[in-house]
Protein backbone atom coordinates (compact mmCIF):
# COMPACT_ATOMS: atom_id res chain seq x y z
CA MET A 1 29.51 -22.60 8.46
CA PRO A 2 25.90 -21.33 8.44
CA VAL A 3 24.76 -19.45 5.38
CA VAL A 4 23.17 -16.03 5.96
CA ALA A 5 20.58 -14.95 3.41
CA GLY A 6 21.43 -11.89 1.34
CA THR A 7 18.23 -10.04 2.26
CA ALA A 8 15.24 -10.39 4.54
CA PHE A 9 13.02 -8.27 2.29
CA THR A 10 10.59 -9.47 -0.37
CA THR A 11 11.09 -8.15 -3.90
CA ALA A 12 8.30 -6.52 -5.89
CA GLY A 13 8.52 -9.41 -8.36
CA ASP A 14 7.89 -11.97 -5.62
CA ALA A 15 4.93 -9.92 -4.36
CA MET A 16 3.43 -9.67 -7.86
CA SER A 17 3.69 -13.44 -8.30
CA LEU A 18 1.73 -13.83 -5.05
CA VAL A 19 -0.83 -11.29 -6.29
CA ARG A 20 -1.44 -13.37 -9.42
CA SER A 21 -1.82 -16.53 -7.34
CA LEU A 22 -4.40 -14.82 -5.12
CA LEU A 23 -6.30 -13.49 -8.14
CA ASN A 24 -6.33 -16.93 -9.75
CA ASP A 25 -7.76 -18.38 -6.54
CA ILE A 26 -10.74 -16.02 -6.30
CA ASP A 27 -12.63 -17.63 -9.19
CA PHE A 28 -12.93 -20.97 -7.40
CA PRO A 29 -16.76 -20.80 -7.11
CA PHE A 30 -17.03 -20.50 -10.94
CA ALA A 31 -17.21 -23.48 -13.29
CA VAL A 32 -17.52 -23.67 -17.08
CA SER A 33 -21.14 -23.03 -18.00
CA THR A 34 -23.00 -24.54 -20.94
CA ILE A 35 -24.92 -22.26 -23.29
CA THR A 36 -28.45 -23.42 -24.15
CA ALA A 37 -29.44 -24.62 -27.64
CA SER A 38 -30.76 -21.17 -28.59
CA GLY A 39 -28.93 -19.24 -25.91
CA ALA A 40 -26.94 -16.86 -28.14
CA VAL A 41 -29.08 -13.97 -29.39
CA ARG A 42 -27.58 -10.91 -31.09
CA ALA A 43 -29.53 -7.68 -31.58
CA SER A 44 -28.14 -4.22 -32.34
CA ASN A 45 -24.55 -5.45 -31.84
CA VAL A 46 -25.24 -6.74 -28.32
CA THR A 47 -25.44 -10.46 -27.66
CA THR A 48 -27.36 -12.02 -24.80
CA PHE A 49 -26.11 -15.45 -23.73
CA GLY A 50 -28.27 -17.84 -21.75
CA THR A 51 -26.82 -20.73 -19.75
CA LEU A 52 -28.35 -23.99 -18.55
CA ALA A 53 -27.56 -23.16 -14.90
CA ALA A 54 -26.66 -20.08 -12.86
CA HIS A 55 -23.34 -18.80 -14.19
CA GLY A 56 -22.06 -16.76 -11.19
CA LEU A 57 -20.67 -13.97 -13.39
CA ALA A 58 -20.53 -10.21 -12.69
CA VAL A 59 -20.42 -7.01 -14.73
CA GLY A 60 -16.90 -6.13 -15.83
CA GLN A 61 -15.53 -9.67 -15.77
CA ARG A 62 -13.83 -11.12 -18.84
CA VAL A 63 -15.08 -14.38 -20.34
CA VAL A 64 -14.22 -16.72 -23.21
CA VAL A 65 -17.16 -18.02 -25.26
CA ALA A 66 -16.32 -21.05 -27.39
CA SER A 67 -17.90 -23.75 -29.60
CA VAL A 68 -21.14 -21.87 -30.35
CA THR A 69 -22.68 -23.29 -33.52
CA ASP A 70 -22.41 -19.89 -35.24
CA SER A 71 -18.72 -19.00 -34.77
CA THR A 72 -19.43 -15.24 -34.94
CA PHE A 73 -20.66 -15.57 -31.35
CA ASN A 74 -17.33 -16.97 -30.15
CA GLY A 75 -14.62 -14.78 -28.65
CA THR A 76 -13.32 -13.01 -25.56
CA PHE A 77 -15.74 -10.49 -24.09
CA THR A 78 -16.26 -8.10 -21.17
CA ILE A 79 -19.66 -8.57 -19.52
CA LEU A 80 -21.90 -5.53 -19.95
CA SER A 81 -24.85 -6.62 -17.80
CA VAL A 82 -26.31 -9.60 -15.94
CA PRO A 83 -30.11 -9.46 -16.38
CA THR A 84 -30.66 -12.78 -14.57
CA SER A 85 -28.61 -15.45 -12.83
CA SER A 86 -28.50 -17.46 -16.08
CA THR A 87 -28.09 -14.68 -18.67
CA PHE A 88 -25.48 -12.02 -19.43
CA THR A 89 -24.80 -9.55 -22.24
CA VAL A 90 -21.67 -8.55 -24.16
CA SER A 91 -20.79 -6.20 -27.00
CA ASN A 92 -20.63 -8.40 -30.16
CA PRO A 93 -20.94 -6.49 -33.45
CA GLY A 94 -22.59 -8.39 -36.28
CA ALA A 95 -25.86 -9.22 -37.97
CA ASN A 96 -28.86 -9.92 -35.80
CA GLY A 97 -29.34 -13.63 -35.29
CA THR A 98 -29.72 -16.59 -32.96
CA SER A 99 -27.49 -19.58 -32.28
CA GLY A 100 -26.52 -21.71 -29.32
CA GLN A 101 -24.62 -24.54 -27.70
CA GLY A 102 -20.98 -23.96 -26.66
CA THR A 103 -19.48 -22.89 -23.35
CA VAL A 104 -18.60 -19.77 -21.38
CA GLU A 105 -15.61 -19.63 -19.04
CA LEU A 106 -14.34 -16.84 -16.80
CA ILE A 107 -10.79 -15.67 -17.52
CA ASN A 108 -8.68 -16.02 -14.41
CA PRO A 109 -8.01 -12.44 -13.22
CA GLY A 110 -4.39 -13.32 -12.58
CA ASP A 111 -3.86 -14.08 -16.25
CA VAL A 112 -4.45 -10.47 -17.31
CA PHE A 113 -2.34 -8.76 -14.63
CA THR A 114 1.21 -8.55 -15.95
CA ASP A 115 4.03 -6.90 -13.98
CA THR A 116 3.53 -3.72 -16.02
CA VAL A 117 -0.15 -3.59 -15.07
CA LEU A 118 0.43 -4.57 -11.45
CA LEU A 119 3.34 -2.30 -10.48
CA PRO A 120 1.26 0.91 -10.04
CA LEU A 121 -1.34 -1.06 -8.06
CA LEU A 122 1.43 -2.64 -5.97
CA ASN A 123 2.73 0.85 -5.08
CA LYS A 124 -0.79 1.90 -4.07
CA ALA A 125 -0.95 -1.17 -1.82
CA TYR A 126 2.57 -0.42 -0.50
CA ARG A 127 1.47 3.06 0.56
CA LYS A 128 -1.67 1.63 2.17
CA VAL A 129 0.40 -0.73 4.32
CA GLN A 130 2.72 2.16 5.25
CA ARG A 131 -0.25 4.26 6.40
CA ARG A 132 -1.44 1.42 8.61
CA LEU A 133 2.03 1.06 10.11
CA LEU A 134 2.27 4.82 10.66
CA LYS A 135 -1.08 4.81 12.43
CA ALA A 136 0.16 1.99 14.67
CA GLY A 137 3.38 3.92 15.51
CA SER A 138 5.57 1.25 13.91
CA LYS A 139 9.32 1.78 14.24
CA THR A 140 9.61 0.57 10.65
CA MET A 141 8.21 3.95 9.67
CA THR A 142 10.65 5.92 11.87
CA GLY A 143 13.74 7.65 10.50
CA ASP A 144 16.67 9.34 12.27
CA ALA A 145 18.73 12.17 10.85
CA GLU A 146 21.42 14.55 11.98
CA LEU A 147 20.27 17.72 10.25
CA GLY A 148 23.22 20.02 10.81
CA THR A 149 23.37 23.53 12.26
CA LEU A 150 20.51 25.95 12.65
CA THR A 151 22.23 29.32 12.73
CA ALA A 152 21.57 31.87 15.49
CA GLY A 153 18.18 33.47 15.02
CA GLY A 154 16.89 30.66 12.79
CA THR A 155 13.24 29.83 13.45
CA ASP A 156 12.13 27.13 11.03
CA LEU A 157 12.79 23.71 9.47
CA THR A 158 11.01 23.22 6.14
CA ASP A 159 11.60 21.55 2.79
CA THR A 160 13.56 24.61 1.62
CA SER A 161 15.25 25.93 4.79
CA THR A 162 18.88 25.47 5.84
CA PRO A 163 19.09 22.89 7.26
CA GLN A 164 16.01 21.31 5.72
CA LEU A 165 13.67 18.43 6.48
CA PRO A 166 14.63 14.97 5.13
CA ALA A 167 13.09 14.07 1.77
CA ASP A 168 11.18 11.13 3.31
CA PHE A 169 9.84 13.20 6.22
CA VAL A 170 6.13 12.87 7.12
CA ALA A 171 5.88 14.21 10.68
CA PRO A 172 8.22 14.70 13.67
CA ARG A 173 8.47 12.31 16.62
CA GLU A 174 11.29 13.90 18.66
CA ILE A 175 13.80 16.74 18.19
CA PHE A 176 17.19 17.04 19.86
CA GLU A 177 19.52 20.04 20.11
CA LYS A 178 23.01 20.79 21.30
CA GLU A 179 25.64 23.48 21.16
CA GLU A 180 27.25 23.61 17.73
CA ALA A 181 30.05 20.98 17.46
CA ALA A 182 30.09 20.39 21.24
CA GLY A 183 28.26 18.63 24.07
CA ARG A 184 25.52 16.06 23.89
CA TYR A 185 22.13 16.15 22.23
CA VAL A 186 19.25 16.94 24.58
CA ASN A 187 15.63 16.00 23.90
CA MET A 188 13.58 19.16 23.41
CA GLY A 189 10.43 17.49 24.73
CA PRO A 190 6.95 17.40 23.16
CA PRO A 191 5.75 20.05 20.70
CA LEU A 192 3.64 23.00 21.79
CA ASP A 193 0.40 24.06 20.15
CA VAL A 194 1.57 27.70 20.21
CA LEU A 195 5.09 29.03 20.79
CA PRO A 196 5.42 31.27 23.89
CA ASP A 197 5.96 34.97 23.33
CA ILE A 198 9.41 35.22 24.94
CA ALA A 199 12.85 36.46 23.91
CA GLN A 200 15.39 34.15 22.32
CA GLY A 201 17.91 32.52 24.68
CA PRO A 202 21.04 30.42 24.17
CA ARG A 203 18.91 27.30 23.51
CA LEU A 204 15.91 26.66 21.29
CA VAL A 205 13.94 24.75 23.97
CA TYR A 206 10.47 25.14 22.41
CA TRP A 207 9.11 23.94 19.10
CA THR A 208 5.79 23.51 17.29
CA TRP A 209 4.74 21.50 14.29
CA ARG A 210 2.53 22.54 11.43
CA GLU A 211 2.03 20.76 8.13
CA GLU A 212 4.53 22.94 6.31
CA GLY A 213 7.34 22.55 8.83
CA ILE A 214 8.80 22.71 12.35
CA PHE A 215 9.09 26.13 13.98
CA PHE A 216 11.07 27.58 16.91
CA ILE A 217 11.36 30.83 18.85
CA GLY A 218 15.01 30.74 17.81
CA ALA A 219 18.26 30.88 19.77
CA THR A 220 20.98 33.47 20.18
CA ALA A 221 23.63 30.84 19.34
CA ASN A 222 24.08 28.24 16.60
CA ARG A 223 22.40 24.94 17.52
CA ASP A 224 23.00 21.49 16.02
CA LEU A 225 19.80 19.51 15.43
CA ARG A 226 18.88 15.86 15.18
CA LEU A 227 15.44 14.57 14.27
CA ARG A 228 13.52 11.36 14.87
CA TYR A 229 10.56 11.37 12.52
CA TYR A 230 7.81 9.42 10.82
CA ARG A 231 8.92 8.66 7.30
CA THR A 232 7.59 7.46 3.99
CA ILE A 233 9.25 4.78 1.85
CA SER A 234 10.07 5.34 -1.82
CA ASP A 235 7.87 3.68 -4.44
CA LEU A 236 8.90 0.42 -6.09
CA VAL A 237 10.31 1.00 -9.58
CA SER A 238 10.76 -2.54 -10.94
CA ALA A 239 10.33 -6.22 -10.13
CA ASP A 240 13.79 -6.14 -8.52
CA SER A 241 12.86 -3.39 -6.03
CA GLN A 242 12.75 -4.52 -2.42
CA ILE A 243 9.70 -3.98 -0.22
CA ALA A 244 11.47 -2.22 2.65
CA ILE A 245 9.15 -3.52 5.37
CA ARG A 246 10.56 -6.58 7.07
CA GLY A 247 7.94 -9.33 6.77
CA GLY A 248 5.58 -7.00 4.90
CA GLY A 249 5.49 -8.75 1.52
CA ASP A 250 2.32 -10.73 2.21
CA ALA A 251 0.34 -7.71 3.40
CA VAL A 252 1.42 -5.62 0.39
CA ALA A 253 0.55 -8.46 -2.02
CA SER A 254 -2.89 -9.16 -0.55
CA ALA A 255 -3.72 -5.43 -0.49
CA CYS A 256 -2.68 -5.23 -4.16
CA ALA A 257 -4.80 -8.28 -5.07
CA ALA A 258 -7.86 -6.64 -3.46
CA ILE A 259 -7.22 -3.40 -5.38
CA ALA A 260 -6.75 -5.32 -8.65
CA ALA A 261 -9.93 -7.36 -8.14
CA GLY A 262 -11.88 -4.19 -7.38
CA SER A 263 -10.56 -2.52 -10.53
CA LYS A 264 -12.20 -5.27 -12.59
CA ASP A 265 -15.49 -5.08 -10.70
CA ALA A 266 -14.92 -8.45 -9.06
CA VAL A 267 -17.40 -7.63 -6.33
CA GLY A 268 -19.13 -9.68 -3.66
CA THR A 269 -17.52 -12.74 -2.14
CA SER A 270 -14.29 -12.46 -4.19
CA LEU A 271 -13.49 -8.94 -3.03
CA GLN A 272 -14.53 -9.77 0.53
CA PHE A 273 -12.23 -12.77 0.46
CA LEU A 274 -9.20 -10.76 -0.65
CA THR A 275 -9.93 -7.92 1.78
CA GLY A 276 -10.12 -10.50 4.56
CA VAL A 277 -6.77 -11.95 3.52
CA PHE A 278 -5.22 -8.47 3.67
CA GLU A 279 -6.65 -7.76 7.12
CA ASP A 280 -5.30 -11.09 8.40
CA ASP A 281 -1.85 -10.35 6.90
CA MET A 282 -1.85 -6.84 8.35
CA THR A 283 -2.82 -8.09 11.80
CA GLU A 284 -0.04 -10.67 11.67
CA LEU A 285 2.52 -8.05 10.58
CA LEU A 286 1.57 -5.69 13.41
CA SER A 287 1.60 -8.58 15.89
CA LEU A 288 5.09 -9.63 14.79
CA GLN A 289 6.35 -6.06 15.20
CA ALA A 290 4.77 -5.80 18.65
CA SER A 291 6.33 -9.11 19.70
CA ALA A 292 9.74 -8.01 18.45
CA GLY A 293 9.50 -4.93 20.67
CA GLN A 294 9.38 -7.15 23.74
CA TYR A 295 12.91 -8.33 23.04
CA GLN A 296 14.55 -4.91 22.83
CA THR A 297 17.45 -4.38 25.20
CA ILE A 298 16.53 -2.28 28.23
CA ARG A 299 19.28 -0.59 30.22
CA ARG A 300 18.84 0.90 33.65
CA ARG A 301 19.38 4.65 33.80
CA ARG A 302 21.40 6.04 36.62
CA TYR A 303 19.96 8.93 38.54
CA THR A 304 20.94 12.34 37.20
CA SER A 305 19.62 15.82 37.57
CA ARG A 306 20.74 16.64 34.02
CA PRO A 307 18.20 16.68 31.17
CA GLN A 308 17.60 13.19 29.81
CA VAL A 309 19.38 12.43 26.54
CA ARG A 310 17.17 10.14 24.52
CA TRP A 311 19.15 9.87 21.32
């Protein structure tokens, strides 16, 4: 008997592991650099290190300096400035002096990004991927809800009305109405920019959308409503949370890695590399969703003069 996997969705923990792998990969152009014989000079609590060759470091990166003859120059530091391709400065309190020898090595960015540090950045990346999917009209970002009954005379759907908009609502796609507890739902058609100045009838018929809600002329009878809408997805709360975008784990992880690298001033080729990885992952995700749409079942509609029911 074939075994069916329990879930098709990546967990936040899996995504964060991928983020760390990506961050560890971005330092590949950097090698351990050797400090010159008199390449450690401290003045006014700032030390300037000089290396035998170009070091490839950037402001904001974290480095480990080791084996300098005077051990007070050794430690883990954040780079303050890079005056030349073979010098950099760090904050290093102590007496003024000069020493040298030893090595400098960049700390892998992935080593400093624990789950606790990464989770807020992962949620930022998660929302970024959702915005891209929304912009592309992805069905992943579409929700459906039966809202209940809008009583006779009712003219609005908001976050506080009765019935009210779903908690994950972003914007409407389609609205359907029917007689309370009877009949079939009928698509109300596209929204209007401005509602017509006409009297209420037995049906709602017309609607408009503004940021604060959906508005109607109103009806003389109770009307049941259903809504197809663009939605947002709740934030991830732990490593066990599932990324609720089928096949979206890679795009969320690479977006998070780019955000994390940027937060540490890992500029230039590293940030470009991670941004490129994200764009590739996003393109692949959108392509997969578009391909899946080609396999949706299509049924022929018989001719009818009645309004089309699209629910």
